[in-house]
Amino acid sequence: MKRIAFSVILIIAASISASAKSPIIDVKSILKNIVAPAFPDKKFNILDFGAINDGITDSRVAINNAITACSNARGGIVLVPAGKYYVAGSIILKSNVNLNLADGAEIIFSSRPQDYAPFVLTTWEGTELFNYSPLVYAYHVSNVAITGKGTLNGSATTSFATWRPQGSNMQDKIRQMGINQVPVNQRNFGLDSRLPPSMIEFFGCSNVLVQDIHILDAPYWIIHPVFCNNVTVRGVETTSNNLNNDGCDPEYTRNVLIENCTFNVGDDAIAIKAGRDQDGWRIGQPTENIVIRNCRFNSKCNGLCIGSEMSAGVQNVFMENVKIKNSLSGIYFKSNLDRGGFIRNVWIRNIEIDSVRSALVRFETNYHGSRGGFHPTLFQNFLIENVTGDRSGECGFYAVGIDKYPLKDITLKNIKLRSCKTPYIMRNTEHVTFENVELGGITLPKYPEETKEAALHSY
């Protein structure tokens, strides 16, 4: 009897251990919770509200009035016909509205920062504040979309994109406010802040769709759903190479599908976020249940990135069938000792990467900008399989954890990188497994030994 009982305990323990280590995500269950909104077939043409398609006359009031009329009529489609429409300020989306840009339509946003007042509640690099309004902004609405074959042109090259907030007094000020937990209504930034806004932001929204549009010349993060649920980004193309032009940044958001998109960007193609430091811990809403598939990335920084603002935690991320033309690192998980939180349950497969300057796959626990805290991030449960790459300028696989806080349960399977200086750098890890992994012409053992090489510098 004791032997049977002991055997049962071993079976249960093994089952729990296997479950804890398994990164396999029930993708079908996630997709059941992601349904694009539908809209009544009532049309509101912005020309009927006074918009002028000459690319010079300000059509902002006309477009926003059409959106209001559509929402008040219980929903429908706001039509933007072919032509160029100048708008001196933000477009404000409302519930049950599909803003549809016809093929040949282009909305050209003002390049004057003062046009994006009054200031609105938003987040800036993971910290809540009142700042310039995003160019397209939706606040606590449901059933909302931007669709069509037309273009949104942020006109940021000569204005917002010339600002350099990194390392500035304003960046330091907002981060210190977050650390000190200054009440959000006292974090008032604006005309003198020089903290650029996002291009498109859905704040606290549900049932969101962005489909088929082309986005040019964005001021900062391009598509930014924050505090959202049920978001679809489909068939979008971005061409924007300004500072911090991430393609899509889900933050504090759950149930997200990003598919069939092309991100040509000046920063990370997709960067999954969940708040910074004390703000993230206070809010406590993980970003979770993210599906990314059938996309193309061409980025000045990284392909898929999770972090570094991820203090409320990121979990249940699935990515497949993505081609990455050129990047700093192809697949990148980044944090530092201020962040805390977790990144766990990540499954990535069927990825083609041309060349990277740092690493094919990189786990970074010493990302720049640390302010001296000691809140290690939990990294656990990663399966990365069927990845091919041509060349890495530094190494194939980089994973350096914190002493006594190892990176846990990482499996690389069917990975082939043709050329690299160093196959892998690995320290402070636990349960790392290589299955059919060839980096720089070297087939690596199933259970790799940790290395003594110096860590790569942080980007």
Protein backbone atom coordinates (compact mmCIF):
# COMPACT_ATOMS: atom_id res chain seq x y z
CA MET A 1 0.00 0.00 0.00
CA LYS A 2 2.80 2.41 0.92
CA ARG A 3 4.55 1.57 -2.35
CA ILE A 4 1.35 2.27 -4.36
CA ALA A 5 0.76 5.52 -2.49
CA PHE A 6 4.34 6.56 -3.11
CA SER A 7 3.98 5.72 -6.82
CA VAL A 8 0.82 7.83 -7.05
CA ILE A 9 2.65 10.73 -5.44
CA LEU A 10 5.47 10.38 -7.96
CA ILE A 11 3.00 10.34 -10.87
CA ILE A 12 1.19 13.42 -9.56
CA ALA A 13 4.47 15.23 -8.94
CA ALA A 14 5.72 14.36 -12.44
CA SER A 15 2.43 15.56 -13.93
CA ILE A 16 2.61 18.86 -12.04
CA SER A 17 6.25 19.32 -13.07
CA ALA A 18 5.49 18.59 -16.73
CA SER A 19 2.54 20.95 -16.64
CA ALA A 20 4.60 23.70 -15.04
CA LYS A 21 7.29 23.39 -17.70
CA SER A 22 5.01 23.01 -20.71
CA PRO A 23 4.77 26.24 -22.70
CA ILE A 24 2.20 24.82 -25.10
CA ILE A 25 -0.64 27.31 -25.31
CA ASP A 26 -4.23 26.48 -26.21
CA VAL A 27 -4.29 28.81 -29.20
CA LYS A 28 -7.77 27.75 -30.30
CA SER A 29 -9.21 28.78 -26.94
CA ILE A 30 -7.52 32.16 -27.17
CA LEU A 31 -8.86 32.75 -30.68
CA LYS A 32 -12.41 31.99 -29.53
CA ASN A 33 -12.19 35.12 -27.39
CA ILE A 34 -11.02 37.34 -30.26
CA VAL A 35 -13.90 38.35 -32.53
CA ALA A 36 -13.70 41.41 -34.76
CA PRO A 37 -16.61 43.84 -34.28
CA ALA A 38 -19.38 44.17 -36.86
CA PHE A 39 -21.19 47.40 -37.74
CA PRO A 40 -24.61 48.38 -39.10
CA ASP A 41 -24.68 49.22 -42.79
CA LYS A 42 -25.38 52.89 -42.19
CA LYS A 43 -22.94 55.24 -43.88
CA PHE A 44 -21.82 58.70 -42.86
CA ASN A 45 -19.77 60.38 -45.59
CA ILE A 46 -17.40 62.98 -44.18
CA LEU A 47 -17.95 65.15 -47.27
CA ASP A 48 -21.56 65.58 -46.14
CA PHE A 49 -20.23 67.01 -42.86
CA GLY A 50 -18.03 69.61 -44.55
CA ALA A 51 -14.71 67.80 -45.10
CA ILE A 52 -12.64 69.13 -48.02
CA ASN A 53 -10.33 66.75 -49.89
CA ASP A 54 -7.76 69.30 -51.01
CA GLY A 55 -5.05 68.34 -48.49
CA ILE A 56 -4.98 71.93 -47.17
CA THR A 57 -8.31 72.80 -45.55
CA ASP A 58 -8.70 71.56 -41.97
CA SER A 59 -11.25 68.71 -41.98
CA ARG A 60 -10.81 67.67 -38.35
CA VAL A 61 -14.15 69.09 -37.12
CA ALA A 62 -16.02 67.55 -40.04
CA ILE A 63 -14.52 64.09 -39.44
CA ASN A 64 -15.16 64.20 -35.70
CA ASN A 65 -18.73 65.42 -36.27
CA ALA A 66 -19.35 62.50 -38.64
CA ILE A 67 -18.00 60.11 -36.01
CA THR A 68 -20.29 61.62 -33.34
CA ALA A 69 -23.34 61.41 -35.61
CA CYS A 70 -22.55 57.79 -36.46
CA SER A 71 -22.15 56.83 -32.80
CA ASN A 72 -25.33 58.68 -31.80
CA ALA A 73 -27.22 56.75 -34.49
CA ARG A 74 -26.16 53.50 -32.75
CA GLY A 75 -23.33 52.84 -35.11
CA GLY A 76 -22.28 52.45 -38.68
CA ILE A 77 -19.50 53.36 -41.10
CA VAL A 78 -17.85 56.76 -41.37
CA LEU A 79 -16.67 56.97 -44.98
CA VAL A 80 -13.50 58.79 -45.97
CA PRO A 81 -13.62 58.92 -49.80
CA ALA A 82 -10.53 59.11 -52.01
CA GLY A 83 -8.61 62.35 -51.69
CA LYS A 84 -6.29 64.11 -49.25
CA TYR A 85 -7.69 65.44 -45.97
CA TYR A 86 -5.68 67.69 -43.68
CA VAL A 87 -6.56 67.52 -39.97
CA ALA A 88 -5.19 69.99 -37.42
CA GLY A 89 -5.34 67.75 -34.36
CA SER A 90 -6.66 64.44 -33.13
CA ILE A 91 -9.42 62.27 -34.52
CA ILE A 92 -11.53 61.02 -31.60
CA LEU A 93 -13.19 57.64 -32.14
CA LYS A 94 -16.45 56.67 -30.43
CA SER A 95 -18.39 53.49 -29.79
CA ASN A 96 -19.91 51.51 -32.66
CA VAL A 97 -17.98 53.44 -35.32
CA ASN A 98 -15.96 52.01 -38.19
CA LEU A 99 -13.77 54.75 -39.67
CA ASN A 100 -13.29 53.47 -43.22
CA LEU A 101 -10.62 54.98 -45.47
CA ALA A 102 -11.27 54.31 -49.14
CA ASP A 103 -8.47 53.26 -51.46
CA GLY A 104 -6.81 56.55 -52.40
CA ALA A 105 -7.86 58.36 -49.23
CA GLU A 106 -5.14 59.94 -47.11
CA ILE A 107 -5.58 61.70 -43.79
CA ILE A 108 -2.64 64.05 -43.28
CA PHE A 109 -2.15 65.09 -39.66
CA SER A 110 -0.82 68.46 -38.59
CA SER A 111 2.85 68.59 -37.69
CA ARG A 112 2.22 71.23 -34.99
CA PRO A 113 2.42 69.70 -31.48
CA GLN A 114 0.09 72.35 -30.04
CA ASP A 115 -2.73 70.98 -32.19
CA TYR A 116 -2.78 67.83 -30.01
CA ALA A 117 -4.10 69.65 -26.95
CA PRO A 118 -6.11 69.36 -24.74
CA PHE A 119 -4.01 66.72 -23.07
CA VAL A 120 -5.47 63.28 -22.40
CA LEU A 121 -4.94 60.31 -20.12
CA THR A 122 -2.45 57.97 -21.70
CA THR A 123 0.72 56.07 -20.91
CA TRP A 124 4.22 56.97 -22.00
CA GLU A 125 6.70 54.10 -22.01
CA GLY A 126 4.61 52.29 -19.41
CA THR A 127 3.85 55.18 -17.00
CA GLU A 128 0.44 56.86 -16.76
CA LEU A 129 0.20 60.60 -17.33
CA PHE A 130 -1.67 63.40 -19.08
CA ASN A 131 0.13 64.21 -22.31
CA TYR A 132 -0.43 65.16 -25.94
CA SER A 133 -3.39 63.35 -27.45
CA PRO A 134 -2.52 60.47 -29.78
CA LEU A 135 -3.28 61.35 -33.38
CA VAL A 136 -6.18 58.88 -33.37
CA TYR A 137 -7.56 58.37 -29.87
CA ALA A 138 -10.36 56.24 -28.41
CA TYR A 139 -11.12 56.39 -24.69
CA HIS A 140 -13.24 53.71 -23.00
CA VAL A 141 -15.34 52.87 -26.04
CA SER A 142 -16.48 49.55 -27.48
CA ASN A 143 -16.99 48.20 -30.99
CA VAL A 144 -14.62 50.48 -32.82
CA ALA A 145 -12.58 50.10 -35.99
CA ILE A 146 -10.26 51.76 -38.48
CA THR A 147 -10.43 49.96 -41.83
CA GLY A 148 -9.94 50.37 -45.55
CA LYS A 149 -7.12 50.66 -48.05
CA GLY A 150 -6.39 54.30 -47.32
CA THR A 151 -3.52 55.96 -45.45
CA LEU A 152 -2.93 57.73 -42.16
CA ASN A 153 0.02 60.10 -42.45
CA GLY A 154 1.41 61.30 -39.11
CA SER A 155 3.64 64.05 -40.63
CA ALA A 156 6.00 63.56 -37.68
CA THR A 157 9.38 63.83 -39.42
CA THR A 158 9.61 67.60 -38.97
CA SER A 159 8.02 67.79 -35.51
CA PHE A 160 7.54 65.04 -32.92
CA ALA A 161 10.18 62.84 -34.53
CA THR A 162 12.85 65.50 -34.05
CA TRP A 163 12.45 65.32 -30.27
CA ARG A 164 14.89 63.19 -28.31
CA PRO A 165 13.17 62.23 -25.04
CA GLN A 166 15.59 59.44 -24.17
CA GLY A 167 17.76 60.56 -21.27
CA SER A 168 15.98 63.92 -21.04
CA ASN A 169 14.81 65.74 -17.93
CA MET A 170 11.20 65.07 -18.94
CA GLN A 171 11.78 61.34 -19.25
CA ASP A 172 13.46 61.34 -15.85
CA LYS A 173 10.57 63.37 -14.38
CA ILE A 174 7.79 61.02 -15.52
CA ARG A 175 9.70 57.93 -14.46
CA GLN A 176 10.37 59.36 -11.01
CA MET A 177 6.68 60.24 -10.69
CA GLY A 178 5.86 56.61 -11.38
CA ILE A 179 8.37 55.39 -8.81
CA ASN A 180 7.04 57.85 -6.21
CA GLN A 181 3.45 56.94 -7.10
CA VAL A 182 2.45 60.54 -7.60
CA PRO A 183 -1.34 60.56 -8.18
CA VAL A 184 -2.00 60.28 -11.89
CA ASN A 185 -4.10 63.45 -11.98
CA GLN A 186 -1.00 65.35 -10.88
CA ARG A 187 1.16 64.01 -13.70
CA ASN A 188 0.32 66.81 -16.10
CA PHE A 189 2.59 67.11 -19.10
CA GLY A 190 1.94 68.91 -22.33
CA LEU A 191 3.24 71.70 -24.51
CA ASP A 192 6.67 71.83 -22.90
CA SER A 193 7.02 68.09 -22.26
CA ARG A 194 8.59 66.92 -25.51
CA LEU A 195 7.25 63.42 -24.86
CA PRO A 196 5.80 62.38 -28.24
CA PRO A 197 2.36 60.72 -28.37
CA SER A 198 1.38 57.43 -29.96
CA MET A 199 -0.02 57.43 -33.49
CA ILE A 200 -3.16 55.35 -32.76
CA GLU A 201 -4.21 54.59 -29.21
CA PHE A 202 -7.19 52.67 -27.87
CA PHE A 203 -7.36 53.34 -24.11
CA GLY A 204 -9.62 51.06 -22.08
CA CYS A 205 -11.52 49.81 -25.12
CA SER A 206 -13.16 46.52 -26.04
CA ASN A 207 -13.85 44.93 -29.41
CA VAL A 208 -11.27 46.76 -31.50
CA LEU A 209 -10.33 46.28 -35.15
CA VAL A 210 -7.56 47.89 -37.23
CA GLN A 211 -7.55 46.42 -40.71
CA ASP A 212 -5.85 46.96 -44.07
CA ILE A 213 -4.80 50.58 -43.58
CA HIS A 214 -1.36 51.99 -44.40
CA ILE A 215 0.37 54.13 -41.74
CA LEU A 216 3.15 56.61 -42.52
CA ASP A 217 5.50 58.83 -40.52
CA ALA A 218 4.27 58.19 -36.98
CA PRO A 219 5.39 60.28 -33.98
CA TYR A 220 6.19 57.39 -31.59
CA TRP A 221 4.57 53.99 -30.95
CA ILE A 222 2.31 53.32 -33.92
CA ILE A 223 -0.62 51.10 -32.80
CA HIS A 224 -1.02 51.14 -29.03
CA PRO A 225 -3.94 49.29 -27.42
CA VAL A 226 -3.74 49.87 -23.65
CA PHE A 227 -6.16 48.42 -21.04
CA CYS A 228 -8.05 46.75 -23.91
CA ASN A 229 -9.77 43.43 -24.49
CA ASN A 230 -10.48 41.70 -27.81
CA VAL A 231 -8.22 43.45 -30.32
CA THR A 232 -7.63 42.48 -33.96
CA VAL A 233 -4.88 44.09 -36.05
CA ARG A 234 -5.07 42.59 -39.53
CA GLY A 235 -3.51 43.36 -42.89
CA VAL A 236 -1.94 46.62 -41.71
CA GLU A 237 1.20 48.03 -43.34
CA THR A 238 3.41 50.58 -41.62
CA THR A 239 6.20 52.59 -43.21
CA SER A 240 7.67 54.68 -40.45
CA ASN A 241 11.32 54.78 -39.41
CA ASN A 242 11.33 57.49 -36.75
CA LEU A 243 12.70 57.13 -33.24
CA ASN A 244 10.73 54.57 -31.18
CA ASN A 245 8.41 53.68 -34.04
CA ASP A 246 7.31 50.28 -32.72
CA GLY A 247 4.73 48.73 -35.04
CA CYS A 248 2.25 47.47 -32.44
CA ASP A 249 2.49 47.68 -28.63
CA PRO A 250 -0.29 45.86 -26.73
CA GLU A 251 -0.07 47.05 -23.11
CA TYR A 252 -2.15 45.86 -20.13
CA THR A 253 -4.24 44.19 -22.85
CA ARG A 254 -5.68 40.71 -23.30
CA ASN A 255 -6.92 38.68 -26.24
CA VAL A 256 -5.05 40.17 -29.19
CA LEU A 257 -4.68 38.85 -32.75
CA ILE A 258 -2.06 40.42 -35.03
CA GLU A 259 -2.03 38.79 -38.46
CA ASN A 260 -1.06 39.37 -42.09
CA CYS A 261 0.70 42.65 -41.25
CA THR A 262 3.86 44.21 -42.65
CA PHE A 263 5.82 46.33 -40.20
CA ASN A 264 8.61 48.50 -41.68
CA VAL A 265 9.62 50.43 -38.60
CA GLY A 266 12.34 52.39 -36.84
CA ASP A 267 12.16 50.33 -33.65
CA ASP A 268 10.64 46.96 -32.66
CA ALA A 269 8.16 45.45 -35.10
CA ILE A 270 5.96 44.16 -32.24
CA ALA A 271 6.70 45.08 -28.63
CA ILE A 272 4.46 43.53 -25.99
CA LYS A 273 4.24 45.70 -22.87
CA ALA A 274 2.62 45.66 -19.41
CA GLY A 275 3.60 48.85 -17.60
CA ARG A 276 6.75 50.10 -15.96
CA ASP A 277 7.92 49.35 -12.41
CA GLN A 278 5.65 50.68 -9.62
CA ASP A 279 2.88 51.69 -12.04
CA GLY A 280 2.80 48.18 -13.45
CA TRP A 281 2.68 46.60 -9.99
CA ARG A 282 -0.08 48.99 -8.85
CA ILE A 283 -2.25 48.32 -11.89
CA GLY A 284 -1.51 44.61 -11.92
CA GLN A 285 -3.15 43.82 -15.27
CA PRO A 286 -1.00 41.36 -17.24
CA THR A 287 -0.86 41.47 -21.00
CA GLU A 288 -1.97 38.01 -22.03
CA ASN A 289 -3.36 35.78 -24.74
CA ILE A 290 -1.55 37.24 -27.75
CA VAL A 291 -1.51 35.53 -31.16
CA ILE A 292 0.81 36.81 -33.90
CA ARG A 293 0.86 35.06 -37.28
CA ASN A 294 1.64 35.42 -40.97
CA CYS A 295 3.48 38.75 -40.70
CA ARG A 296 6.58 40.39 -42.17
CA PHE A 297 8.98 42.47 -40.09
CA ASN A 298 11.69 44.85 -41.24
CA SER A 299 12.86 46.78 -38.20
CA LYS A 300 15.81 48.91 -37.13
CA CYS A 301 15.65 47.23 -33.71
CA ASN A 302 14.01 43.89 -32.94
CA GLY A 303 11.46 41.59 -34.53
CA LEU A 304 9.27 40.28 -31.71
CA CYS A 305 10.08 41.95 -28.41
CA ILE A 306 8.53 41.41 -24.98
CA GLY A 307 9.48 44.20 -22.56
CA SER A 308 11.13 46.05 -21.20
CA GLU A 309 8.03 47.70 -19.72
CA MET A 310 6.38 44.48 -18.52
CA SER A 311 6.05 44.90 -14.75
CA ALA A 312 2.45 43.66 -14.55
CA GLY A 313 3.53 40.53 -16.43
CA VAL A 314 3.20 39.08 -19.93
CA GLN A 315 1.95 35.55 -20.51
CA ASN A 316 0.49 33.25 -23.13
CA VAL A 317 2.09 34.58 -26.31
CA PHE A 318 2.04 32.56 -29.53
CA MET A 319 3.78 33.57 -32.75
CA GLU A 320 4.08 31.62 -36.00
CA ASN A 321 4.83 32.01 -39.70
CA VAL A 322 6.72 35.29 -39.52
CA LYS A 323 9.50 36.51 -41.81
CA ILE A 324 12.01 38.92 -40.32
CA LYS A 325 14.10 40.63 -42.97
CA ASN A 326 16.57 42.50 -40.79
CA SER A 327 16.75 43.39 -37.11
CA LEU A 328 18.92 43.89 -34.06
CA SER A 329 17.70 40.65 -32.47
CA GLY A 330 15.08 38.45 -34.06
CA ILE A 331 13.29 37.26 -30.91
CA TYR A 332 14.00 39.37 -27.84
CA PHE A 333 12.83 39.21 -24.21
CA LYS A 334 14.09 42.15 -22.16
CA SER A 335 13.91 43.38 -18.58
CA ASN A 336 16.11 44.73 -15.79
CA LEU A 337 16.25 44.71 -12.00
CA ASP A 338 13.72 47.54 -11.67
CA ARG A 339 10.95 45.72 -13.53
CA GLY A 340 9.82 42.73 -11.45
CA GLY A 341 6.85 40.98 -13.06
CA PHE A 342 7.15 37.97 -15.32
CA ILE A 343 7.40 36.75 -18.90
CA ARG A 344 6.08 33.21 -19.21
CA ASN A 345 4.34 30.75 -21.47
CA VAL A 346 5.71 31.79 -24.85
CA TRP A 347 5.51 29.55 -27.91
CA ILE A 348 7.17 30.65 -31.16
CA ARG A 349 7.46 28.55 -34.32
CA ASN A 350 8.07 28.69 -38.06
CA ILE A 351 10.17 31.86 -38.23
CA GLU A 352 12.50 32.90 -41.08
CA ILE A 353 15.14 35.49 -40.20
CA ASP A 354 17.59 36.96 -42.68
CA SER A 355 20.22 38.67 -40.55
CA VAL A 356 20.50 40.05 -37.04
CA ARG A 357 23.14 42.29 -35.53
CA SER A 358 22.97 40.90 -31.97
CA ALA A 359 21.32 37.50 -31.53
CA LEU A 360 18.81 35.23 -33.19
CA VAL A 361 17.15 34.67 -29.77
CA ARG A 362 18.03 36.89 -26.83
CA PHE A 363 17.01 36.95 -23.15
CA GLU A 364 18.15 40.24 -21.57
CA THR A 365 17.95 40.83 -17.80
CA ASN A 366 20.15 43.93 -17.75
CA TYR A 367 18.37 46.20 -20.20
CA HIS A 368 19.51 49.82 -20.03
CA GLY A 369 17.72 52.41 -17.91
CA SER A 370 17.84 50.60 -14.56
CA ARG A 371 17.53 52.94 -11.58
CA GLY A 372 19.11 50.64 -9.01
CA GLY A 373 16.24 48.46 -7.80
CA PHE A 374 16.35 44.76 -7.08
CA HIS A 375 13.14 43.22 -8.39
CA PRO A 376 14.14 40.26 -10.59
CA THR A 377 11.77 39.25 -13.36
CA LEU A 378 10.54 35.66 -13.61
CA PHE A 379 11.32 34.18 -17.05
CA GLN A 380 9.72 30.75 -17.45
CA ASN A 381 8.31 28.36 -20.06
CA PHE A 382 9.53 29.12 -23.58
CA LEU A 383 9.33 26.87 -26.65
CA ILE A 384 11.02 28.27 -29.76
CA GLU A 385 11.02 25.91 -32.73
CA ASN A 386 11.52 25.75 -36.48
CA VAL A 387 13.60 28.92 -36.81
CA THR A 388 16.09 29.54 -39.60
CA GLY A 389 18.52 32.43 -39.91
CA ASP A 390 21.28 33.47 -42.27
CA ARG A 391 23.68 35.45 -40.10
CA SER A 392 24.16 36.96 -36.65
CA GLY A 393 26.75 39.66 -36.03
CA GLU A 394 27.31 38.49 -32.45
CA CYS A 395 25.78 35.19 -31.33
CA GLY A 396 23.01 32.71 -31.99
CA PHE A 397 21.42 32.27 -28.56
CA TYR A 398 21.96 34.65 -25.66
CA ALA A 399 20.49 33.94 -22.22
CA VAL A 400 22.04 35.45 -19.10
CA GLY A 401 19.94 35.36 -15.96
CA ILE A 402 20.42 36.93 -12.55
CA ASP A 403 22.42 35.08 -9.90
CA LYS A 404 19.96 32.95 -7.85
CA TYR A 405 17.13 33.97 -10.23
CA PRO A 406 17.71 31.77 -13.29
CA LEU A 407 15.95 31.83 -16.63
CA LYS A 408 13.83 28.68 -16.51
CA ASP A 409 12.45 26.05 -18.85
CA ILE A 410 13.63 27.14 -22.29
CA THR A 411 13.48 24.72 -25.22
CA LEU A 412 15.00 25.44 -28.62
CA LYS A 413 14.00 22.92 -31.27
CA ASN A 414 14.90 22.69 -34.95
CA ILE A 415 16.96 25.90 -35.04
CA LYS A 416 19.51 26.58 -37.77
CA LEU A 417 21.64 29.71 -38.05
CA ARG A 418 24.13 29.63 -40.89
CA SER A 419 26.75 32.04 -39.56
CA CYS A 420 27.59 33.67 -36.23
CA LYS A 421 30.68 34.68 -34.22
CA THR A 422 29.63 32.77 -31.07
CA PRO A 423 27.05 29.94 -31.06
CA TYR A 424 25.66 30.77 -27.63
CA ILE A 425 26.25 32.63 -24.37
CA MET A 426 24.34 31.17 -21.43
CA ARG A 427 24.58 31.73 -17.68
CA ASN A 428 22.25 31.50 -14.68
CA THR A 429 19.76 29.25 -16.45
CA GLU A 430 17.76 26.20 -15.46
CA HIS A 431 16.31 23.48 -17.70
CA VAL A 432 17.55 24.72 -21.07
CA THR A 433 17.22 22.12 -23.80
CA PHE A 434 18.49 22.12 -27.39
CA GLU A 435 16.87 19.71 -29.85
CA ASN A 436 18.38 19.70 -33.33
CA VAL A 437 20.00 23.10 -32.87
CA GLU A 438 22.78 24.17 -35.23
CA LEU A 439 24.33 27.59 -34.71
CA GLY A 440 27.17 28.79 -36.92
CA GLY A 441 27.74 25.32 -38.35
CA ILE A 442 28.01 23.69 -34.90
CA THR A 443 25.43 21.15 -33.76
CA LEU A 444 24.89 21.77 -30.07
CA PRO A 445 24.29 19.15 -27.36
CA LYS A 446 20.80 18.55 -25.99
CA TYR A 447 21.78 19.81 -22.55
CA PRO A 448 24.24 22.66 -23.15
CA GLU A 449 26.75 23.67 -20.53
CA GLU A 450 26.79 27.24 -19.32
CA THR A 451 29.48 29.45 -20.82
CA LYS A 452 32.11 31.79 -19.41
CA GLU A 453 32.07 34.34 -22.20
CA ALA A 454 31.48 37.95 -21.27
CA ALA A 455 27.91 39.15 -21.57
CA LEU A 456 26.96 41.09 -24.67
CA HIS A 457 26.47 44.80 -24.16
CA SER A 458 22.91 45.94 -23.53
CA TYR A 459 21.07 47.75 -26.32
